[in-house]
Structures are given as C-alpha cells and as structure tokens.
Protein backbone atom coordinates (compact mmCIF):
# COMPACT_ATOMS: atom_id res chain seq x y z
CA MET A 1 -98.17 91.07 21.35
CA LYS A 2 -98.80 89.56 18.12
CA ALA A 3 -96.75 88.24 14.94
CA LEU A 4 -97.45 87.95 11.48
CA VAL A 5 -96.45 84.77 9.87
CA ILE A 6 -94.34 85.82 6.81
CA GLY A 7 -92.69 82.48 5.73
CA CYS A 8 -92.00 78.84 6.57
CA ALA A 9 -89.21 77.02 4.76
CA ASP A 10 -90.20 73.61 6.31
CA THR A 11 -93.51 72.30 5.21
CA ARG A 12 -93.67 69.96 8.09
CA LYS A 13 -94.05 72.93 10.61
CA TRP A 14 -97.71 73.36 12.02
CA TYR A 15 -97.45 77.05 10.59
CA ALA A 16 -96.44 76.16 6.93
CA ASN A 17 -100.00 77.02 5.75
CA LYS A 18 -100.64 80.02 8.12
CA VAL A 19 -98.35 82.45 6.06
CA GLY A 20 -100.19 85.81 6.15
CA GLN A 21 -102.13 85.07 9.23
CA VAL A 22 -101.58 86.53 12.73
CA VAL A 23 -100.73 84.55 16.02
CA ASP A 24 -100.75 85.57 19.50
CA ILE A 25 -97.38 85.79 21.33
CA LEU A 26 -97.35 84.17 24.81
CA GLN A 27 -93.48 84.38 25.44
CA ASP A 28 -90.25 85.31 23.87
CA LEU A 29 -87.82 82.23 23.91
CA GLY A 30 -84.84 83.58 22.17
CA ASN A 31 -84.82 82.25 18.61
CA GLU A 32 -88.62 81.58 18.68
CA TYR A 33 -91.82 82.55 20.29
CA LYS A 34 -94.36 80.42 22.18
CA VAL A 35 -97.59 81.19 20.44
CA LEU A 36 -101.35 80.50 20.85
CA GLN A 37 -102.80 78.83 17.73
CA ASP A 38 -106.23 79.54 16.30
CA PRO A 39 -109.23 77.51 17.85
CA ASP A 40 -109.43 74.02 16.49
CA PRO A 41 -113.12 73.12 15.60
CA THR A 42 -112.23 69.48 15.61
CA MET A 43 -111.20 69.68 19.31
CA SER A 44 -114.09 71.74 20.74
CA ASN A 45 -112.31 74.98 19.65
CA HIS A 46 -109.26 74.28 21.88
CA ARG A 47 -106.28 76.57 21.27
CA PHE A 48 -103.08 74.86 21.48
CA ILE A 49 -99.77 76.09 22.46
CA ASN A 50 -96.90 75.86 19.80
CA PHE A 51 -93.73 77.45 18.73
CA ILE A 52 -92.59 79.64 15.79
CA LEU A 53 -89.21 80.67 14.66
CA LYS A 54 -88.74 84.51 14.92
CA THR A 55 -87.09 84.48 11.49
CA ASP A 56 -90.58 83.34 10.06
CA THR A 57 -92.46 86.16 11.75
CA PHE A 58 -92.94 90.01 11.68
CA LEU A 59 -93.81 91.55 14.93
CA ILE A 60 -96.92 93.74 15.11
CA ASN A 61 -98.41 95.75 18.04
CA ASP A 62 -102.04 95.02 19.03
CA SER A 63 -102.74 98.65 18.17
CA ASP A 64 -101.44 98.21 14.68
CA GLN A 65 -104.56 95.85 13.76
CA ASN A 66 -107.15 98.46 14.86
CA ASP A 67 -105.67 101.16 12.41
C-alpha cells in the first residue's frame, strides 16, 4: 500500500518537504504509518524506515498509480 503526503504542519518532520510525493507503507500503527523513505544518494541509496501521521496522508492503492 502507498500514501500520498498531503500536508505537514511541523516543519521539523522528515516529510515536511515531501508534500505531493508518494511513500510506501510498511505497517499501520494506529494514528501513524511506518513507511519506507526514498533512497538516500548520500548513503549509498539506503532506504530508511520512518513514521508519518495518517492525518498528513491520503491512502492510494498500488493500482491507482498505474491508471
């Protein structure tokens, strides 16, 4: 499953500059999702696991991106 980042009121959060981007959801944790960040080119393209508030996302199906 994936989520579209639709907002972020806290500029200190890792996804504050990711509004409009899609992230991969790993797990639903109640009021937030555990997600996989984009590859980091400064870290040999390592993908970090992080968390995003559900209220800052819009759920999308993988098939929605193929339409």
